Amino acid sequence: MAEFTRQRGKREDDSGLGSVLDLLLANARLVLGVSGAAVLAIATLVVKRLIDRATSPRDDGDPKAEQKTLEESWQDLALIKATPKPPKKQRREDLSVPLLSPARPAVPELKVCTAPLETPRVEPSPPRCLTLQEKLLSHYSSWLAVPKVQASLTPQLAGSICTQLQNFLRSKCPELPFGSLFLSGPLLDGLGALSADHIHFMLPVVLDTTLWSLIPGEDTVVRNPQYWMIKRTDLEYFPRGSSPWDRFIVGQYLSSNTLNESLHKMLVASINWPAIGSLLGSVIYPVVASQDLKLEVKHDQVELSITLFPMVEMEGRVLLSAPPEGLVENLWLESFARAEALKVRELDAGDSGARQLCLRILDSVCRSHPTLHKLSGSPLAHVVLHLSATTLDWAEESLADRFLQVLEELVGYLEKGVLPSYFNHKINLLGELLEEEIDEMGFMLYRAVSEPELLLKDK
């Protein structure tokens, strides 16, 4: 009776444990999937067997029974090890491969290659950082060097056009004593960017100094010392008509506007440019819409932009027929281009300096920059001349230092809003700039002093 009770309790315990295991297995399939549930079922079976062996009575002294129990234990362990591991859970981001992909075929065994290994490829070393000196020289050689063909063809072609224009003026206006036309501009002056596409034609207007006198700029209506007026004198003794230039007088003053308008009409309507262009193997046409006296020239190898400047030389001054914009007439602009070029070349010859090289780079940078383009040309030359009075080392090896120093000097002049002319300290070369333009230029150059590469980007 006691044995029966013990066996019944054991069956009830087994029944309760089985119910729990069955419930666990049923839910495991939902949570772990098919493979995971299979592994859990095998492991549970093994545990159940171990519990049965632990609770069942031992057959003491029966070696066969012990051997059987040991074999069953190893079989259970082997069963667990032989069970395939569930595949790794697929990343949900990779939706191109199905979650249950078919088994892949076995990868064939790779044969060992007996060929000698290749020499490892040596990666090129990264480019070294260029110094500012190297960047400036590279910028000069890349952007400012004029090809030999252009450097030789441009003056030749421009000279031929200049000769044709000179012949026309002498035949059309023999009564006007124009002097001999001559060429000027960056390519010939050596201070600006060595651009072969901008040429100036300088047309001397020869005046009788007994009939004409200069009125200083301070006494003109604009109160600007850079603009002068040319007054006709002694009209009571030498009435109108005594000078061939009296036809261009407005209110007793030689009018630059009237002279320019007359020349503009001749350039546009009177000169047979197609015939001249055909003779020179090029196409030449005047710019009709421009107030300046401009010609555009297209050749197979070069393209030129030519500007004609009537000029008067009196009392050691060079005055250009380039009046300011607006309703003001009769004003002549004093030009220092010739004096600038002569002075800079003289200084460079005295100490084998690189002032001209520095100016070419600066002019190129400013001319191509949307904020700094109004600083190109004459203002830069005057800054270099001012700096040369206090700084003596202008050797090419010091190009980077002088370049930065010019930028610093420009920032200082822009802060004051005044850049005095080297040849006449009464003239402010920044006088015609707006305050907003000066602020923008100053801010840009202030940044460039610490980051000069901002100005040396590729065009």
Protein backbone atom coordinates (compact mmCIF):
# COMPACT_ATOMS: atom_id res chain seq x y z
CA MET A 1 0.00 0.00 0.00
CA ALA A 2 2.80 2.39 0.82
CA GLU A 3 4.57 1.51 -2.41
CA PHE A 4 1.39 2.27 -4.34
CA THR A 5 1.03 5.62 -2.61
CA ARG A 6 4.64 6.47 -3.40
CA GLN A 7 4.23 5.55 -7.11
CA ARG A 8 0.99 7.53 -7.32
CA GLY A 9 2.64 10.62 -5.83
CA LYS A 10 5.43 10.24 -8.26
CA ARG A 11 3.01 10.07 -11.20
CA GLU A 12 1.15 13.13 -9.97
CA ASP A 13 4.43 15.02 -9.64
CA ASP A 14 5.44 13.89 -13.10
CA SER A 15 2.04 14.91 -14.44
CA GLY A 16 2.34 18.39 -12.87
CA LEU A 17 5.88 18.86 -14.15
CA GLY A 18 4.87 17.64 -17.60
CA SER A 19 2.03 20.13 -17.73
CA VAL A 20 4.39 22.96 -16.90
CA LEU A 21 6.90 21.80 -19.52
CA ASP A 22 4.21 21.41 -22.16
CA LEU A 23 2.98 24.94 -21.48
CA LEU A 24 6.56 26.24 -21.67
CA LEU A 25 7.19 24.48 -24.97
CA ALA A 26 3.98 25.73 -26.48
CA ASN A 27 4.82 29.32 -25.69
CA ALA A 28 8.47 28.91 -26.65
CA ARG A 29 7.51 28.25 -30.22
CA LEU A 30 5.82 31.58 -30.38
CA VAL A 31 8.67 33.46 -28.72
CA LEU A 32 11.77 31.63 -29.96
CA GLY A 33 10.60 30.29 -33.27
CA VAL A 34 10.81 26.75 -34.57
CA SER A 35 14.55 26.21 -34.13
CA GLY A 36 14.66 27.78 -30.72
CA ALA A 37 11.70 25.74 -29.52
CA ALA A 38 13.35 22.54 -30.76
CA VAL A 39 16.50 23.25 -28.78
CA LEU A 40 14.48 24.06 -25.69
CA ALA A 41 12.43 20.86 -26.08
CA ILE A 42 15.52 18.66 -26.25
CA ALA A 43 17.08 20.41 -23.30
CA THR A 44 13.84 19.97 -21.33
CA LEU A 45 13.69 16.29 -22.21
CA VAL A 46 17.19 15.80 -20.91
CA VAL A 47 16.37 17.61 -17.67
CA LYS A 48 13.22 15.54 -17.28
CA ARG A 49 15.21 12.37 -17.68
CA LEU A 50 17.70 13.51 -15.09
CA ILE A 51 14.84 14.24 -12.67
CA ASP A 52 13.33 10.78 -13.32
CA ARG A 53 16.64 9.14 -12.60
CA ALA A 54 17.09 11.16 -9.48
CA THR A 55 13.63 10.33 -8.08
CA SER A 56 13.49 6.67 -9.20
CA PRO A 57 14.87 4.02 -6.82
CA ARG A 58 18.42 2.93 -7.51
CA ASP A 59 19.23 -0.66 -8.18
CA ASP A 60 22.11 -0.84 -5.79
CA GLY A 61 24.75 -3.29 -6.70
CA ASP A 62 23.53 -3.65 -10.29
CA PRO A 63 26.45 -2.60 -12.52
CA LYS A 64 24.43 -3.02 -15.71
CA ALA A 65 21.89 -0.52 -14.52
CA GLU A 66 24.58 2.01 -13.64
CA GLN A 67 26.21 1.49 -17.04
CA LYS A 68 22.85 2.09 -18.74
CA THR A 69 22.26 5.26 -16.79
CA LEU A 70 25.72 6.59 -17.70
CA GLU A 71 25.20 5.81 -21.40
CA GLU A 72 21.84 7.59 -21.40
CA SER A 73 23.45 10.67 -19.85
CA TRP A 74 26.16 10.86 -22.57
CA GLN A 75 23.48 10.31 -25.24
CA ASP A 76 21.52 13.21 -23.84
CA LEU A 77 24.62 15.45 -23.84
CA ALA A 78 25.48 14.43 -27.41
CA LEU A 79 21.91 15.14 -28.41
CA ILE A 80 22.22 18.69 -27.11
CA LYS A 81 25.59 19.27 -28.85
CA ALA A 82 24.35 17.81 -32.14
CA THR A 83 21.38 20.12 -32.23
CA PRO A 84 22.04 22.82 -34.87
CA LYS A 85 22.30 26.32 -33.50
CA PRO A 86 19.61 28.71 -34.64
CA PRO A 87 20.66 31.11 -37.35
CA LYS A 88 21.52 34.64 -36.32
CA LYS A 89 18.64 37.00 -36.40
CA GLN A 90 18.61 38.96 -39.63
CA ARG A 91 18.97 42.74 -39.40
CA ARG A 92 15.65 44.37 -40.08
CA GLU A 93 17.39 47.05 -42.16
CA ASP A 94 18.38 44.47 -44.77
CA LEU A 95 15.01 43.76 -46.40
CA SER A 96 16.44 42.56 -49.68
CA VAL A 97 17.17 39.04 -48.31
CA PRO A 98 14.27 36.89 -47.00
CA LEU A 99 14.29 36.06 -43.33
CA LEU A 100 14.30 32.31 -44.03
CA SER A 101 16.90 31.96 -46.77
CA PRO A 102 17.72 28.51 -48.19
CA ALA A 103 20.85 26.75 -47.08
CA ARG A 104 23.92 27.80 -49.02
CA PRO A 105 26.01 25.17 -50.81
CA ALA A 106 29.28 24.21 -49.21
CA VAL A 107 32.18 26.39 -50.22
CA PRO A 108 34.82 24.38 -52.07
CA GLU A 109 38.17 24.17 -50.39
CA LEU A 110 40.57 26.82 -51.59
CA LYS A 111 43.88 25.71 -53.00
CA VAL A 112 46.97 27.29 -51.54
CA CYS A 113 48.75 29.45 -54.07
CA THR A 114 52.47 28.74 -54.22
CA ALA A 115 53.29 31.89 -56.30
CA PRO A 116 55.45 34.45 -54.51
CA LEU A 117 53.62 37.34 -52.90
CA GLU A 118 53.60 40.66 -54.71
CA THR A 119 55.66 43.49 -53.36
CA PRO A 120 53.36 45.67 -51.27
CA ARG A 121 52.32 48.82 -53.09
CA VAL A 122 53.83 51.94 -51.61
CA GLU A 123 51.22 54.66 -51.18
CA PRO A 124 52.33 58.08 -52.43
CA SER A 125 53.10 60.49 -49.66
CA PRO A 126 50.60 63.33 -49.22
CA PRO A 127 51.50 66.62 -50.90
CA ARG A 128 53.47 68.92 -48.68
CA CYS A 129 52.04 72.23 -47.59
CA LEU A 130 53.31 75.13 -49.68
CA THR A 131 54.59 78.25 -48.01
CA LEU A 132 53.05 81.61 -48.86
CA GLN A 133 56.19 82.47 -50.82
CA GLU A 134 55.73 79.36 -52.98
CA LYS A 135 52.02 80.04 -53.42
CA LEU A 136 52.69 83.59 -54.59
CA LEU A 137 55.28 82.47 -57.12
CA SER A 138 53.00 79.66 -58.27
CA HIS A 139 50.12 82.12 -58.68
CA TYR A 140 52.37 84.38 -60.73
CA SER A 141 53.58 81.60 -63.02
CA SER A 142 50.09 80.08 -63.40
CA TRP A 143 47.94 83.16 -63.93
CA LEU A 144 50.14 86.12 -64.79
CA ALA A 145 52.71 84.79 -67.19
CA VAL A 146 51.83 85.92 -70.73
CA PRO A 147 52.51 83.37 -73.48
CA LYS A 148 55.35 84.39 -75.74
CA VAL A 149 53.06 84.52 -78.78
CA GLN A 150 50.72 87.01 -77.10
CA ALA A 151 53.57 89.00 -75.60
CA SER A 152 55.11 89.54 -79.05
CA LEU A 153 51.94 89.71 -81.17
CA THR A 154 49.97 92.13 -78.94
CA PRO A 155 52.33 95.14 -79.21
CA GLN A 156 52.79 94.47 -82.92
CA LEU A 157 49.07 94.31 -83.68
CA ALA A 158 48.25 97.26 -81.40
CA GLY A 159 51.05 99.28 -82.99
CA SER A 160 49.63 98.64 -86.47
CA ILE A 161 46.15 99.77 -85.38
CA CYS A 162 47.69 102.81 -83.71
CA THR A 163 49.42 103.78 -86.97
CA GLN A 164 46.17 103.44 -88.94
CA LEU A 165 44.31 105.60 -86.43
CA GLN A 166 47.09 108.22 -86.49
CA ASN A 167 46.95 108.41 -90.30
CA PHE A 168 43.18 108.85 -90.23
CA LEU A 169 43.27 111.69 -87.68
CA ARG A 170 45.91 113.56 -89.66
CA SER A 171 43.93 113.26 -92.86
CA LYS A 172 40.52 113.92 -91.29
CA CYS A 173 41.55 116.73 -88.88
CA PRO A 174 44.74 118.28 -90.26
CA GLU A 175 43.98 121.55 -88.43
CA LEU A 176 44.13 119.88 -84.99
CA PRO A 177 47.70 119.51 -83.76
CA PHE A 178 47.50 116.02 -82.30
CA GLY A 179 50.81 114.58 -81.19
CA SER A 180 52.03 111.10 -82.07
CA LEU A 181 49.93 108.30 -80.65
CA PHE A 182 51.81 105.88 -78.41
CA LEU A 183 51.00 102.69 -76.53
CA SER A 184 50.66 102.30 -72.78
CA GLY A 185 49.05 99.90 -70.34
CA PRO A 186 49.96 97.06 -67.95
CA LEU A 187 51.92 95.03 -70.50
CA LEU A 188 54.23 97.97 -71.22
CA ASP A 189 54.28 99.74 -67.83
CA GLY A 190 55.17 96.55 -65.94
CA LEU A 191 53.18 97.41 -62.78
CA GLY A 192 49.78 95.85 -63.30
CA ALA A 193 48.85 92.25 -63.99
CA LEU A 194 50.70 91.12 -67.09
CA SER A 195 47.53 90.96 -69.11
CA ALA A 196 48.10 91.24 -72.81
CA ASP A 197 44.47 92.05 -73.58
CA HIS A 198 44.32 95.67 -72.29
CA ILE A 199 46.13 98.37 -74.22
CA HIS A 200 45.94 102.16 -73.92
CA PHE A 201 46.34 104.55 -76.85
CA MET A 202 47.63 107.87 -75.57
CA LEU A 203 46.67 110.76 -77.90
CA PRO A 204 48.60 113.98 -77.06
CA VAL A 205 46.63 117.24 -77.42
CA VAL A 206 49.28 119.90 -78.14
CA LEU A 207 48.35 123.29 -76.63
CA ASP A 208 49.98 126.68 -76.98
CA THR A 209 50.94 127.50 -73.41
CA THR A 210 50.57 131.23 -74.09
CA LEU A 211 46.86 130.72 -74.74
CA TRP A 212 46.03 128.15 -72.07
CA SER A 213 46.61 127.84 -68.33
CA LEU A 214 45.81 125.27 -65.65
CA ILE A 215 43.29 125.81 -62.85
CA PRO A 216 44.14 123.75 -59.70
CA GLY A 217 41.66 121.12 -58.63
CA GLU A 218 40.97 122.82 -55.31
CA ASP A 219 39.64 125.83 -57.23
CA THR A 220 37.31 123.79 -59.45
CA VAL A 221 33.62 123.17 -58.81
CA VAL A 222 34.31 119.68 -57.43
CA ARG A 223 37.01 120.84 -54.98
CA ASN A 224 39.04 117.74 -55.85
CA PRO A 225 42.80 118.26 -56.23
CA GLN A 226 43.03 115.35 -58.68
CA TYR A 227 40.83 117.08 -61.31
CA TRP A 228 42.05 120.15 -63.15
CA MET A 229 40.55 122.63 -65.60
CA ILE A 230 42.27 124.07 -68.69
CA LYS A 231 41.31 127.71 -69.19
CA ARG A 232 41.56 129.78 -72.38
CA THR A 233 43.45 133.00 -71.58
CA ASP A 234 43.92 136.44 -73.12
CA LEU A 235 40.71 136.36 -75.14
CA GLU A 236 40.80 140.15 -75.39
CA TYR A 237 44.12 139.96 -77.25
CA PHE A 238 43.75 136.54 -78.86
CA PRO A 239 40.04 136.09 -79.66
CA ARG A 240 38.30 132.79 -80.34
CA GLY A 241 39.76 131.05 -83.32
CA SER A 242 43.32 131.94 -82.44
CA SER A 243 43.79 128.39 -81.18
CA PRO A 244 42.65 125.36 -83.18
CA TRP A 245 41.23 123.92 -79.94
CA ASP A 246 38.84 126.83 -79.43
CA ARG A 247 36.09 124.75 -81.09
CA PHE A 248 36.02 122.60 -77.94
CA ILE A 249 35.66 125.50 -75.46
CA VAL A 250 32.72 125.57 -73.06
CA GLY A 251 32.61 128.69 -70.87
CA GLN A 252 36.25 129.60 -71.52
CA TYR A 253 37.45 126.09 -70.57
CA LEU A 254 38.68 123.30 -72.80
CA SER A 255 35.91 120.74 -72.43
CA SER A 256 37.02 117.11 -72.07
CA ASN A 257 33.43 116.01 -72.67
CA THR A 258 33.13 117.86 -75.97
CA LEU A 259 36.47 116.52 -77.23
CA ASN A 260 35.52 112.95 -76.29
CA GLU A 261 32.15 113.21 -78.04
CA SER A 262 33.78 114.42 -81.24
CA LEU A 263 36.35 111.61 -81.22
CA HIS A 264 33.66 109.05 -80.39
CA LYS A 265 31.69 110.04 -83.50
CA MET A 266 34.78 109.63 -85.65
CA LEU A 267 35.61 106.22 -84.20
CA VAL A 268 32.07 104.94 -84.70
CA ALA A 269 31.00 106.50 -87.99
CA SER A 270 33.98 107.80 -89.93
CA ILE A 271 36.71 105.17 -89.83
CA ASN A 272 36.47 102.12 -92.09
CA TRP A 273 37.36 99.54 -89.44
CA PRO A 274 36.36 96.48 -91.54
CA ALA A 275 38.93 97.44 -94.18
CA ILE A 276 41.63 98.08 -91.58
CA GLY A 277 40.82 94.82 -89.82
CA SER A 278 40.98 92.87 -93.07
CA LEU A 279 44.37 94.41 -93.81
CA LEU A 280 45.65 93.32 -90.37
CA GLY A 281 44.01 89.86 -90.38
CA SER A 282 41.60 90.72 -87.58
CA VAL A 283 38.14 92.07 -86.80
CA ILE A 284 37.99 95.59 -85.29
CA TYR A 285 34.88 97.39 -84.11
CA PRO A 286 34.25 100.37 -81.80
CA VAL A 287 32.16 100.01 -78.66
CA VAL A 288 29.19 102.23 -79.44
CA ALA A 289 27.44 102.15 -76.05
CA SER A 290 30.49 103.08 -73.98
CA GLN A 291 31.21 106.66 -72.96
CA ASP A 292 34.91 105.80 -73.13
CA LEU A 293 36.71 105.61 -76.44
CA LYS A 294 37.04 101.85 -76.81
CA LEU A 295 37.91 99.41 -79.59
CA GLU A 296 37.51 95.64 -79.51
CA VAL A 297 39.91 93.56 -81.61
CA LYS A 298 39.64 89.86 -82.38
CA HIS A 299 42.56 88.01 -83.91
CA ASP A 300 43.17 84.30 -84.38
CA GLN A 301 45.66 84.27 -81.51
CA VAL A 302 44.75 87.25 -79.32
CA GLU A 303 41.81 89.45 -78.35
CA LEU A 304 42.44 93.06 -77.40
CA SER A 305 40.53 95.79 -75.63
CA ILE A 306 41.92 99.20 -76.59
CA THR A 307 41.04 102.46 -74.84
CA LEU A 308 41.92 105.84 -76.36
CA PHE A 309 42.90 108.63 -73.93
CA PRO A 310 43.35 112.21 -75.16
CA MET A 311 45.98 113.78 -72.89
CA VAL A 312 47.48 117.17 -72.18
CA GLU A 313 50.98 117.72 -70.80
CA MET A 314 51.46 121.08 -69.14
CA GLU A 315 53.56 122.36 -66.26
CA GLY A 316 55.00 118.92 -65.61
CA ARG A 317 51.55 117.31 -65.25
CA VAL A 318 49.77 114.69 -67.31
CA LEU A 319 46.01 115.31 -67.60
CA LEU A 320 43.64 112.80 -69.17
CA SER A 321 40.34 113.52 -70.85
CA ALA A 322 38.56 111.30 -68.31
CA PRO A 323 35.99 113.45 -66.48
CA PRO A 324 34.16 112.07 -63.43
CA GLU A 325 30.69 110.63 -63.80
CA GLY A 326 27.86 113.09 -63.46
CA LEU A 327 26.82 116.41 -64.90
CA VAL A 328 30.17 118.10 -64.31
CA GLU A 329 32.02 118.98 -67.52
CA ASN A 330 35.38 120.37 -68.57
CA LEU A 331 37.41 118.46 -65.94
CA TRP A 332 40.69 116.68 -66.69
CA LEU A 333 42.04 113.88 -64.49
CA GLU A 334 45.65 114.06 -63.37
CA SER A 335 47.39 110.76 -64.09
CA PHE A 336 50.44 109.48 -62.24
CA ALA A 337 50.79 106.24 -64.24
CA ARG A 338 54.01 107.31 -65.96
CA ALA A 339 55.54 108.65 -62.74
CA GLU A 340 54.54 105.50 -60.84
CA ALA A 341 56.15 103.19 -63.37
CA LEU A 342 59.35 105.23 -63.54
CA LYS A 343 59.70 105.47 -59.75
CA VAL A 344 59.05 101.76 -59.10
CA ARG A 345 61.50 100.70 -61.82
CA GLU A 346 64.07 103.11 -60.42
CA LEU A 347 63.73 101.66 -56.91
CA ASP A 348 63.92 98.06 -58.15
CA ALA A 349 67.04 98.87 -60.18
CA GLY A 350 68.67 100.38 -57.11
CA ASP A 351 68.32 97.34 -54.82
CA SER A 352 67.38 94.48 -57.21
CA GLY A 353 63.95 94.52 -55.60
CA ALA A 354 60.74 92.67 -56.40
CA ARG A 355 58.33 95.61 -56.19
CA GLN A 356 57.12 95.14 -59.76
CA LEU A 357 56.54 91.42 -59.14
CA CYS A 358 54.65 92.17 -55.94
CA LEU A 359 52.49 94.76 -57.71
CA ARG A 360 51.64 92.41 -60.56
CA ILE A 361 50.40 89.77 -58.12
CA LEU A 362 48.47 92.31 -56.04
CA ASP A 363 46.91 93.87 -59.12
CA SER A 364 45.86 90.47 -60.43
CA VAL A 365 44.30 89.53 -57.09
CA CYS A 366 42.37 92.79 -56.70
CA ARG A 367 41.34 93.09 -60.35
CA SER A 368 39.68 89.66 -60.31
CA HIS A 369 38.08 90.01 -56.85
CA PRO A 370 34.47 91.33 -56.80
CA THR A 371 35.10 93.34 -53.62
CA LEU A 372 38.64 94.60 -54.24
CA HIS A 373 38.62 95.42 -57.96
CA LYS A 374 38.48 99.20 -57.35
CA LEU A 375 41.82 99.00 -55.54
CA SER A 376 43.65 97.68 -58.59
CA GLY A 377 46.05 99.86 -60.50
CA SER A 378 47.23 103.19 -59.14
CA PRO A 379 46.23 102.82 -55.42
CA LEU A 380 48.37 99.69 -55.06
CA ALA A 381 51.38 101.38 -56.65
CA HIS A 382 51.13 104.29 -54.22
CA VAL A 383 50.93 101.92 -51.21
CA VAL A 384 54.11 100.17 -52.38
CA LEU A 385 55.85 103.51 -52.89
CA HIS A 386 54.85 104.69 -49.40
CA LEU A 387 56.07 101.40 -47.92
CA SER A 388 59.36 101.59 -49.81
CA ALA A 389 60.18 104.78 -47.96
CA THR A 390 60.29 102.89 -44.63
CA THR A 391 61.00 99.27 -45.62
CA LEU A 392 64.26 98.57 -47.41
CA ASP A 393 64.24 94.78 -47.91
CA TRP A 394 62.44 94.18 -51.22
CA ALA A 395 64.44 91.14 -52.36
CA GLU A 396 62.45 88.35 -53.99
CA GLU A 397 63.14 86.12 -50.98
CA SER A 398 61.07 88.57 -48.90
CA LEU A 399 58.13 88.63 -51.35
CA ALA A 400 55.72 86.93 -48.92
CA ASP A 401 56.58 89.34 -46.09
CA ARG A 402 56.16 92.39 -48.31
CA PHE A 403 52.89 91.02 -49.73
CA LEU A 404 51.41 90.69 -46.24
CA GLN A 405 52.80 94.07 -45.24
CA VAL A 406 51.09 95.76 -48.20
CA LEU A 407 47.80 94.14 -47.15
CA GLU A 408 48.28 95.44 -43.59
CA GLU A 409 49.04 98.92 -44.91
CA LEU A 410 45.91 98.85 -47.04
CA VAL A 411 43.80 97.87 -44.03
CA GLY A 412 45.20 100.86 -42.14
CA TYR A 413 44.43 103.28 -45.00
CA LEU A 414 40.91 101.88 -45.36
CA GLU A 415 40.27 102.29 -41.63
CA LYS A 416 41.07 106.00 -41.99
CA GLY A 417 39.33 106.26 -45.37
CA VAL A 418 42.36 108.12 -46.73
CA LEU A 419 45.15 106.93 -49.04
CA PRO A 420 47.30 109.96 -49.91
CA SER A 421 48.96 110.08 -53.30
CA TYR A 422 52.71 109.53 -53.19
CA PHE A 423 53.22 112.50 -55.52
CA ASN A 424 50.59 114.85 -54.07
CA HIS A 425 49.50 114.28 -50.47
CA LYS A 426 46.43 116.47 -51.01
CA ILE A 427 44.93 113.80 -53.23
CA ASN A 428 42.98 111.02 -51.51
CA LEU A 429 42.98 108.01 -53.79
CA LEU A 430 40.02 106.55 -51.84
CA GLY A 431 37.98 109.74 -52.14
CA GLU A 432 35.61 108.41 -54.82
CA LEU A 433 34.74 105.19 -52.96
CA LEU A 434 31.52 104.80 -51.03
CA GLU A 435 31.68 104.18 -47.29
CA GLU A 436 30.08 100.75 -47.74
CA GLU A 437 32.70 99.82 -50.34
CA ILE A 438 35.51 100.88 -48.01
CA ASP A 439 34.05 98.80 -45.15
CA GLU A 440 33.75 95.70 -47.35
CA MET A 441 37.29 96.08 -48.67
CA GLY A 442 38.70 96.61 -45.19
CA PHE A 443 36.93 93.54 -43.81
CA MET A 444 38.09 91.38 -46.71
CA LEU A 445 41.72 92.49 -46.42
CA TYR A 446 41.65 92.16 -42.62
CA ARG A 447 40.75 88.47 -43.07
CA ALA A 448 43.35 88.08 -45.81
CA VAL A 449 46.16 89.26 -43.53
CA SER A 450 45.74 86.08 -41.43
CA GLU A 451 44.46 83.92 -44.34
CA PRO A 452 46.17 85.17 -47.53
CA GLU A 453 45.02 82.04 -49.35
CA LEU A 454 41.59 83.68 -49.58
CA LEU A 455 43.02 85.92 -52.27
CA LEU A 456 44.96 83.24 -54.13
CA LYS A 457 42.15 80.90 -55.10
CA ASP A 458 41.99 79.70 -58.69
CA LYS A 459 40.27 81.96 -61.09
